[in-house]
Amino acid sequence: MSEAVVIQLIATAGLILIAALGKIKLDRIGRDAREAREQTANEHADAEYPNLRDELTAMRGDLSAGLDRLEAGQKRHDGEIGGIRHTQRQQTDALARLDERMEGRDAEQRREHAVLSKRLDDHLATTD
């Protein structure tokens, strides 16, 4: 074999190798493209809302009304919680006043007890 034939064979083998590698790469790209086409195919063409944008646009009014109801309920709960806190403060203040009165009465009873005890001691001391 002449040197020109060997060079031609090597060039042809290289070309075949490059073509085979290119075909493998193109097959992989084609498979990925088919998968992407399957994943993005619109299977809802006959549905009421064939795409997500239309469905979200249609739902916007319902979502807005639901949000309004939620906010109104939240305001009502805030008012009720405020009323409960007010009642709790009033009850705490009333209990504090009651405690003060009870402490005053306890102190008065201790003084009366001390006076009576002293009078009893004085009486017992004079009778002895």
C-alpha atoms as a PDB file:
ATOM      1  CA  MET A   1       0.000   0.000   0.000  1.00  0.00           C
ATOM      2  CA  SER A   2       1.203   3.318  -0.887  1.00  0.00           C
ATOM      3  CA  GLU A   3       1.533   6.135   1.537  1.00  0.00           C
ATOM      4  CA  ALA A   4      -1.330   8.061  -0.129  1.00  0.00           C
ATOM      5  CA  VAL A   5      -3.688   5.100   0.314  1.00  0.00           C
ATOM      6  CA  VAL A   6      -2.782   4.779   4.014  1.00  0.00           C
ATOM      7  CA  ILE A   7      -3.408   8.494   4.526  1.00  0.00           C
ATOM      8  CA  GLN A   8      -6.738   8.172   2.717  1.00  0.00           C
ATOM      9  CA  LEU A   9      -7.716   5.173   4.889  1.00  0.00           C
ATOM     10  CA  ILE A  10      -6.800   7.049   8.088  1.00  0.00           C
ATOM     11  CA  ALA A  11      -8.728  10.125   6.919  1.00  0.00           C
ATOM     12  CA  THR A  12     -11.730   7.957   6.009  1.00  0.00           C
ATOM     13  CA  ALA A  13     -11.607   6.147   9.385  1.00  0.00           C
ATOM     14  CA  GLY A  14     -11.428   9.517  11.169  1.00  0.00           C
ATOM     15  CA  LEU A  15     -14.360  10.791   9.127  1.00  0.00           C
ATOM     16  CA  ILE A  16     -16.401   7.656   9.933  1.00  0.00           C
ATOM     17  CA  LEU A  17     -15.537   8.006  13.646  1.00  0.00           C
ATOM     18  CA  ILE A  18     -16.552  11.669  13.676  1.00  0.00           C
ATOM     19  CA  ALA A  19     -19.782  10.856  11.814  1.00  0.00           C
ATOM     20  CA  ALA A  20     -20.596   8.060  14.311  1.00  0.00           C
ATOM     21  CA  LEU A  21     -19.934  10.343  17.281  1.00  0.00           C
ATOM     22  CA  GLY A  22     -22.035  13.069  15.661  1.00  0.00           C
ATOM     23  CA  LYS A  23     -24.908  10.617  15.105  1.00  0.00           C
ATOM     24  CA  ILE A  24     -24.773   9.530  18.766  1.00  0.00           C
ATOM     25  CA  LYS A  25     -24.881  13.163  19.853  1.00  0.00           C
ATOM     26  CA  LEU A  26     -27.747  13.975  17.450  1.00  0.00           C
ATOM     27  CA  ASP A  27     -29.698  10.921  18.644  1.00  0.00           C
ATOM     28  CA  ARG A  28     -29.304  12.089  22.246  1.00  0.00           C
ATOM     29  CA  ILE A  29     -30.446  15.611  21.316  1.00  0.00           C
ATOM     30  CA  GLY A  30     -33.419  14.170  19.407  1.00  0.00           C
ATOM     31  CA  ARG A  31     -34.421  12.026  22.399  1.00  0.00           C
ATOM     32  CA  ASP A  32     -34.205  15.067  24.704  1.00  0.00           C
ATOM     33  CA  ALA A  33     -36.291  17.091  22.235  1.00  0.00           C
ATOM     34  CA  ARG A  34     -38.973  14.356  22.120  1.00  0.00           C
ATOM     35  CA  GLU A  35     -39.099  14.265  25.931  1.00  0.00           C
ATOM     36  CA  ALA A  36     -39.411  18.046  26.079  1.00  0.00           C
ATOM     37  CA  ARG A  37     -42.160  17.971  23.439  1.00  0.00           C
ATOM     38  CA  GLU A  38     -44.062  15.325  25.441  1.00  0.00           C
ATOM     39  CA  GLN A  39     -43.694  17.287  28.672  1.00  0.00           C
ATOM     40  CA  THR A  40     -44.889  20.546  27.164  1.00  0.00           C
ATOM     41  CA  ALA A  41     -47.720  19.143  25.050  1.00  0.00           C
ATOM     42  CA  ASN A  42     -51.037  20.814  25.847  1.00  0.00           C
ATOM     43  CA  GLU A  43     -53.288  17.955  26.889  1.00  0.00           C
ATOM     44  CA  HIS A  44     -55.965  20.368  28.118  1.00  0.00           C
ATOM     45  CA  ALA A  45     -56.951  21.891  24.793  1.00  0.00           C
ATOM     46  CA  ASP A  46     -60.576  20.818  25.271  1.00  0.00           C
ATOM     47  CA  ALA A  47     -60.732  21.921  28.923  1.00  0.00           C
ATOM     48  CA  GLU A  48     -62.531  25.039  30.120  1.00  0.00           C
ATOM     49  CA  TYR A  49     -59.176  26.762  30.564  1.00  0.00           C
ATOM     50  CA  PRO A  50     -56.656  25.347  28.077  1.00  0.00           C
ATOM     51  CA  ASN A  51     -53.697  27.084  29.694  1.00  0.00           C
ATOM     52  CA  LEU A  52     -52.658  28.094  33.180  1.00  0.00           C
ATOM     53  CA  ARG A  53     -52.706  31.829  32.482  1.00  0.00           C
ATOM     54  CA  ASP A  54     -56.401  31.762  31.519  1.00  0.00           C
ATOM     55  CA  GLU A  55     -57.246  29.642  34.555  1.00  0.00           C
ATOM     56  CA  LEU A  56     -55.415  31.984  36.939  1.00  0.00           C
ATOM     57  CA  THR A  57     -57.081  35.002  35.355  1.00  0.00           C
ATOM     58  CA  ALA A  58     -60.487  33.381  35.838  1.00  0.00           C
ATOM     59  CA  MET A  59     -59.668  32.517  39.456  1.00  0.00           C
ATOM     60  CA  ARG A  60     -58.488  36.032  40.300  1.00  0.00           C
ATOM     61  CA  GLY A  61     -61.995  37.230  41.248  1.00  0.00           C
ATOM     62  CA  ASP A  62     -62.634  34.216  43.488  1.00  0.00           C
ATOM     63  CA  LEU A  63     -59.242  34.609  45.127  1.00  0.00           C
ATOM     64  CA  SER A  64     -59.831  38.316  45.688  1.00  0.00           C
ATOM     65  CA  ALA A  65     -63.244  37.656  47.270  1.00  0.00           C
ATOM     66  CA  GLY A  66     -61.754  34.933  49.466  1.00  0.00           C
ATOM     67  CA  LEU A  67     -58.964  37.260  50.541  1.00  0.00           C
ATOM     68  CA  ASP A  68     -61.507  39.975  51.369  1.00  0.00           C
ATOM     69  CA  ARG A  69     -63.479  37.515  53.535  1.00  0.00           C
ATOM     70  CA  LEU A  70     -60.280  36.414  55.237  1.00  0.00           C
ATOM     71  CA  GLU A  71     -59.275  40.007  55.982  1.00  0.00           C
ATOM     72  CA  ALA A  72     -62.765  40.822  57.315  1.00  0.00           C
ATOM     73  CA  GLY A  73     -62.627  37.780  59.596  1.00  0.00           C
ATOM     74  CA  GLN A  74     -59.175  38.785  60.754  1.00  0.00           C
ATOM     75  CA  LYS A  75     -60.391  42.303  61.616  1.00  0.00           C
ATOM     76  CA  ARG A  76     -63.350  40.830  63.501  1.00  0.00           C
ATOM     77  CA  HIS A  77     -61.023  38.521  65.437  1.00  0.00           C
ATOM     78  CA  ASP A  78     -58.680  41.421  66.183  1.00  0.00           C
ATOM     79  CA  GLY A  79     -61.636  43.348  67.650  1.00  0.00           C
ATOM     80  CA  GLU A  80     -62.754  40.354  69.686  1.00  0.00           C
ATOM     81  CA  ILE A  81     -59.238  39.786  71.005  1.00  0.00           C
ATOM     82  CA  GLY A  82     -59.036  43.487  71.910  1.00  0.00           C
ATOM     83  CA  GLY A  83     -62.303  43.132  73.840  1.00  0.00           C
ATOM     84  CA  ILE A  84     -61.003  40.064  75.650  1.00  0.00           C
ATOM     85  CA  ARG A  85     -57.810  41.910  76.592  1.00  0.00           C
ATOM     86  CA  HIS A  86     -59.861  44.857  77.880  1.00  0.00           C
ATOM     87  CA  THR A  87     -62.025  42.529  79.979  1.00  0.00           C
ATOM     88  CA  GLN A  88     -58.932  40.789  81.299  1.00  0.00           C
ATOM     89  CA  ARG A  89     -57.381  44.132  82.312  1.00  0.00           C
ATOM     90  CA  GLN A  90     -60.606  45.100  84.099  1.00  0.00           C
ATOM     91  CA  GLN A  91     -60.668  41.785  85.949  1.00  0.00           C
ATOM     92  CA  THR A  92     -57.004  42.103  86.887  1.00  0.00           C
ATOM     93  CA  ASP A  93     -57.619  45.617  88.227  1.00  0.00           C
ATOM     94  CA  ALA A  94     -60.690  44.422  90.171  1.00  0.00           C
ATOM     95  CA  LEU A  95     -58.674  41.558  91.687  1.00  0.00           C
ATOM     96  CA  ALA A  96     -55.904  43.971  92.665  1.00  0.00           C
ATOM     97  CA  ARG A  97     -58.445  46.238  94.407  1.00  0.00           C
ATOM     98  CA  LEU A  98     -59.995  43.210  96.134  1.00  0.00           C
ATOM     99  CA  ASP A  99     -56.554  42.084  97.307  1.00  0.00           C
ATOM    100  CA  GLU A 100     -55.910  45.555  98.744  1.00  0.00           C
ATOM    101  CA  ARG A 101     -59.243  45.493 100.583  1.00  0.00           C
ATOM    102  CA  MET A 102     -58.557  41.993 101.922  1.00  0.00           C
ATOM    103  CA  GLU A 103     -55.090  43.017 103.084  1.00  0.00           C
ATOM    104  CA  GLY A 104     -56.620  46.041 104.813  1.00  0.00           C
ATOM    105  CA  ARG A 105     -59.195  43.834 106.525  1.00  0.00           C
ATOM    106  CA  ASP A 106     -56.522  41.328 107.518  1.00  0.00           C
ATOM    107  CA  ALA A 107     -54.452  44.124 109.020  1.00  0.00           C
ATOM    108  CA  GLU A 108     -57.518  45.449 110.862  1.00  0.00           C
ATOM    109  CA  GLN A 109     -58.317  41.966 112.210  1.00  0.00           C
ATOM    110  CA  ARG A 110     -54.692  41.536 113.352  1.00  0.00           C
ATOM    111  CA  ARG A 111     -54.887  44.882 115.181  1.00  0.00           C
ATOM    112  CA  GLU A 112     -58.214  43.907 116.810  1.00  0.00           C
ATOM    113  CA  HIS A 113     -56.747  40.544 117.766  1.00  0.00           C
ATOM    114  CA  ALA A 114     -53.697  42.236 119.268  1.00  0.00           C
ATOM    115  CA  VAL A 115     -55.894  44.682 121.245  1.00  0.00           C
ATOM    116  CA  LEU A 116     -58.154  41.886 122.513  1.00  0.00           C
ATOM    117  CA  SER A 117     -55.166  39.730 123.360  1.00  0.00           C
ATOM    118  CA  LYS A 118     -53.596  42.589 125.337  1.00  0.00           C
ATOM    119  CA  ARG A 119     -56.877  43.282 127.155  1.00  0.00           C
ATOM    120  CA  LEU A 120     -57.199  39.576 127.997  1.00  0.00           C
ATOM    121  CA  ASP A 121     -53.605  39.471 129.228  1.00  0.00           C
ATOM    122  CA  ASP A 122     -54.200  42.621 131.311  1.00  0.00           C
ATOM    123  CA  HIS A 123     -57.397  41.158 132.751  1.00  0.00           C
ATOM    124  CA  LEU A 124     -55.695  37.874 133.595  1.00  0.00           C
ATOM    125  CA  ALA A 125     -52.780  39.734 135.154  1.00  0.00           C
ATOM    126  CA  THR A 126     -55.073  41.733 137.474  1.00  0.00           C
ATOM    127  CA  THR A 127     -57.024  38.678 138.609  1.00  0.00           C
ATOM    128  CA  ASP A 128     -53.955  36.782 139.675  1.00  0.00           C
END
